[in-house]
Amino acid sequence: MEDNSTSAVISLLDEQKMYVVKQGKLIEHELPDFGEVRVVVMGGKVDRLEDTRKRKI
């Protein structure tokens, strides 16, 4: 869905997602049940997300 809008609507009730804004686009990232999500920043901007998933047994 291409849209030149500068606003977005997201649910504040969904705690399983995080959002990153990059180059005017909203990027949705699903959070793992267990693990870490590392945000790597270069030049003051988000470059990438690195996640480590773990299983609880």
N, C-alpha and C. Protein backbone atom coordinates (compact mmCIF):
# COMPACT_ATOMS: atom_id res chain seq x y z
N MET A 1 0.84 -1.17 0.00
CA MET A 1 0.00 0.00 0.00
C MET A 1 0.89 1.24 0.00
N GLU A 2 1.00 1.91 -1.11
CA GLU A 2 1.78 3.13 -1.24
C GLU A 2 0.93 4.31 -0.78
N ASP A 3 1.46 5.10 0.11
CA ASP A 3 0.74 6.27 0.59
C ASP A 3 1.78 7.32 0.96
N ASN A 4 1.58 8.52 0.53
CA ASN A 4 2.50 9.61 0.83
C ASN A 4 2.11 10.34 2.11
N SER A 5 1.29 9.72 2.94
CA SER A 5 0.83 10.31 4.19
C SER A 5 1.98 10.38 5.19
N THR A 6 1.93 11.36 6.06
CA THR A 6 2.95 11.49 7.09
C THR A 6 2.43 11.08 8.46
N SER A 7 1.31 10.35 8.50
CA SER A 7 0.78 9.88 9.76
C SER A 7 0.36 8.42 9.62
N ALA A 8 0.28 7.75 10.77
CA ALA A 8 -0.12 6.34 10.79
C ALA A 8 -0.94 6.09 12.05
N VAL A 9 -1.74 5.06 12.03
CA VAL A 9 -2.52 4.64 13.18
C VAL A 9 -2.03 3.27 13.60
N ILE A 10 -1.63 3.15 14.87
CA ILE A 10 -1.19 1.85 15.41
C ILE A 10 -1.97 1.57 16.69
N SER A 11 -2.03 0.29 17.05
CA SER A 11 -2.71 -0.09 18.28
C SER A 11 -1.73 -0.01 19.45
N LEU A 12 -2.11 0.70 20.48
CA LEU A 12 -1.28 0.77 21.67
C LEU A 12 -1.53 -0.39 22.61
N LEU A 13 -2.45 -1.28 22.24
CA LEU A 13 -2.78 -2.43 23.08
C LEU A 13 -2.00 -3.67 22.69
N ASP A 14 -1.36 -3.68 21.54
CA ASP A 14 -0.60 -4.85 21.07
C ASP A 14 0.84 -4.74 21.54
N GLU A 15 1.15 -5.43 22.63
CA GLU A 15 2.49 -5.36 23.22
C GLU A 15 3.46 -6.35 22.58
N GLN A 16 3.04 -7.07 21.55
CA GLN A 16 3.90 -8.04 20.87
C GLN A 16 4.60 -7.43 19.66
N LYS A 17 4.45 -6.12 19.46
CA LYS A 17 5.04 -5.47 18.29
C LYS A 17 5.78 -4.22 18.71
N MET A 18 6.81 -3.91 17.94
CA MET A 18 7.46 -2.61 18.08
C MET A 18 7.54 -2.00 16.69
N TYR A 19 7.66 -0.70 16.65
CA TYR A 19 7.63 0.01 15.38
C TYR A 19 8.86 0.90 15.26
N VAL A 20 9.39 0.97 14.05
CA VAL A 20 10.51 1.85 13.74
C VAL A 20 10.10 2.71 12.55
N VAL A 21 10.41 4.00 12.63
CA VAL A 21 10.17 4.88 11.49
C VAL A 21 11.50 5.09 10.79
N LYS A 22 11.55 4.75 9.50
CA LYS A 22 12.78 4.89 8.72
C LYS A 22 12.42 5.41 7.34
N GLN A 23 13.02 6.51 6.97
CA GLN A 23 12.82 7.13 5.66
C GLN A 23 11.34 7.35 5.36
N GLY A 24 10.61 7.80 6.37
CA GLY A 24 9.20 8.12 6.20
C GLY A 24 8.27 6.93 6.17
N LYS A 25 8.79 5.73 6.44
CA LYS A 25 7.96 4.52 6.43
C LYS A 25 7.93 3.92 7.83
N LEU A 26 6.77 3.39 8.20
CA LEU A 26 6.59 2.72 9.48
C LEU A 26 6.89 1.24 9.28
N ILE A 27 7.88 0.73 10.00
CA ILE A 27 8.27 -0.68 9.90
C ILE A 27 7.83 -1.39 11.17
N GLU A 28 7.00 -2.41 11.00
CA GLU A 28 6.47 -3.19 12.13
C GLU A 28 7.39 -4.38 12.36
N HIS A 29 7.72 -4.65 13.63
CA HIS A 29 8.56 -5.78 13.99
C HIS A 29 7.86 -6.59 15.06
N GLU A 30 7.65 -7.87 14.80
CA GLU A 30 7.01 -8.77 15.76
C GLU A 30 8.03 -9.15 16.83
N LEU A 31 7.68 -8.98 18.09
CA LEU A 31 8.58 -9.31 19.18
C LEU A 31 8.54 -10.80 19.50
N PRO A 32 9.69 -11.39 19.85
CA PRO A 32 9.70 -12.81 20.21
C PRO A 32 9.04 -13.02 21.58
N ASP A 33 8.56 -14.24 21.83
CA ASP A 33 7.98 -14.56 23.14
C ASP A 33 9.04 -14.45 24.23
N PHE A 34 10.24 -14.91 23.93
CA PHE A 34 11.37 -14.82 24.86
C PHE A 34 12.59 -14.45 24.03
N GLY A 35 13.40 -13.54 24.50
CA GLY A 35 14.61 -13.17 23.78
C GLY A 35 14.89 -11.69 23.89
N GLU A 36 15.70 -11.21 22.95
CA GLU A 36 16.11 -9.81 22.93
C GLU A 36 15.94 -9.25 21.54
N VAL A 37 15.68 -7.96 21.47
CA VAL A 37 15.71 -7.24 20.20
C VAL A 37 16.68 -6.08 20.40
N ARG A 38 17.71 -6.05 19.59
CA ARG A 38 18.72 -5.00 19.68
C ARG A 38 18.54 -4.04 18.51
N VAL A 39 18.48 -2.76 18.80
CA VAL A 39 18.35 -1.74 17.77
C VAL A 39 19.75 -1.18 17.50
N VAL A 40 20.23 -1.34 16.28
CA VAL A 40 21.56 -0.86 15.90
C VAL A 40 21.39 0.47 15.19
N VAL A 41 22.08 1.49 15.71
CA VAL A 41 21.96 2.84 15.18
C VAL A 41 23.28 3.25 14.55
N MET A 42 23.21 3.85 13.36
CA MET A 42 24.39 4.39 12.69
C MET A 42 24.05 5.81 12.23
N GLY A 43 24.86 6.76 12.58
CA GLY A 43 24.61 8.15 12.20
C GLY A 43 23.35 8.72 12.80
N GLY A 44 22.96 8.22 13.96
CA GLY A 44 21.76 8.72 14.62
C GLY A 44 20.46 8.17 14.07
N LYS A 45 20.55 7.20 13.15
CA LYS A 45 19.35 6.60 12.56
C LYS A 45 19.40 5.09 12.72
N VAL A 46 18.22 4.47 12.80
CA VAL A 46 18.15 3.02 12.93
C VAL A 46 18.70 2.38 11.65
N ASP A 47 19.69 1.50 11.83
CA ASP A 47 20.29 0.79 10.70
C ASP A 47 19.67 -0.59 10.54
N ARG A 48 19.50 -1.29 11.69
CA ARG A 48 18.94 -2.64 11.62
C ARG A 48 18.46 -3.07 13.01
N LEU A 49 17.64 -4.12 13.00
CA LEU A 49 17.19 -4.77 14.23
C LEU A 49 17.80 -6.16 14.26
N GLU A 50 18.35 -6.53 15.39
CA GLU A 50 18.90 -7.87 15.56
C GLU A 50 18.12 -8.53 16.69
N ASP A 51 17.60 -9.73 16.44
CA ASP A 51 16.89 -10.38 17.54
C ASP A 51 17.48 -11.74 17.82
N THR A 52 17.41 -12.08 19.10
CA THR A 52 17.84 -13.38 19.61
C THR A 52 16.61 -14.03 20.21
N ARG A 53 16.24 -15.15 19.67
CA ARG A 53 15.08 -15.85 20.20
C ARG A 53 15.52 -16.94 21.15
N LYS A 54 14.78 -17.10 22.21
CA LYS A 54 15.07 -18.13 23.21
C LYS A 54 13.80 -18.92 23.46
N ARG A 55 13.96 -20.15 23.86
CA ARG A 55 12.79 -20.98 24.20
C ARG A 55 12.81 -21.26 25.69
N LYS A 56 11.69 -21.07 26.34
CA LYS A 56 11.56 -21.39 27.75
C LYS A 56 11.00 -22.80 27.85
N ILE A 57 11.68 -23.66 28.58
CA ILE A 57 11.21 -25.05 28.71
C ILE A 57 10.97 -25.40 30.16
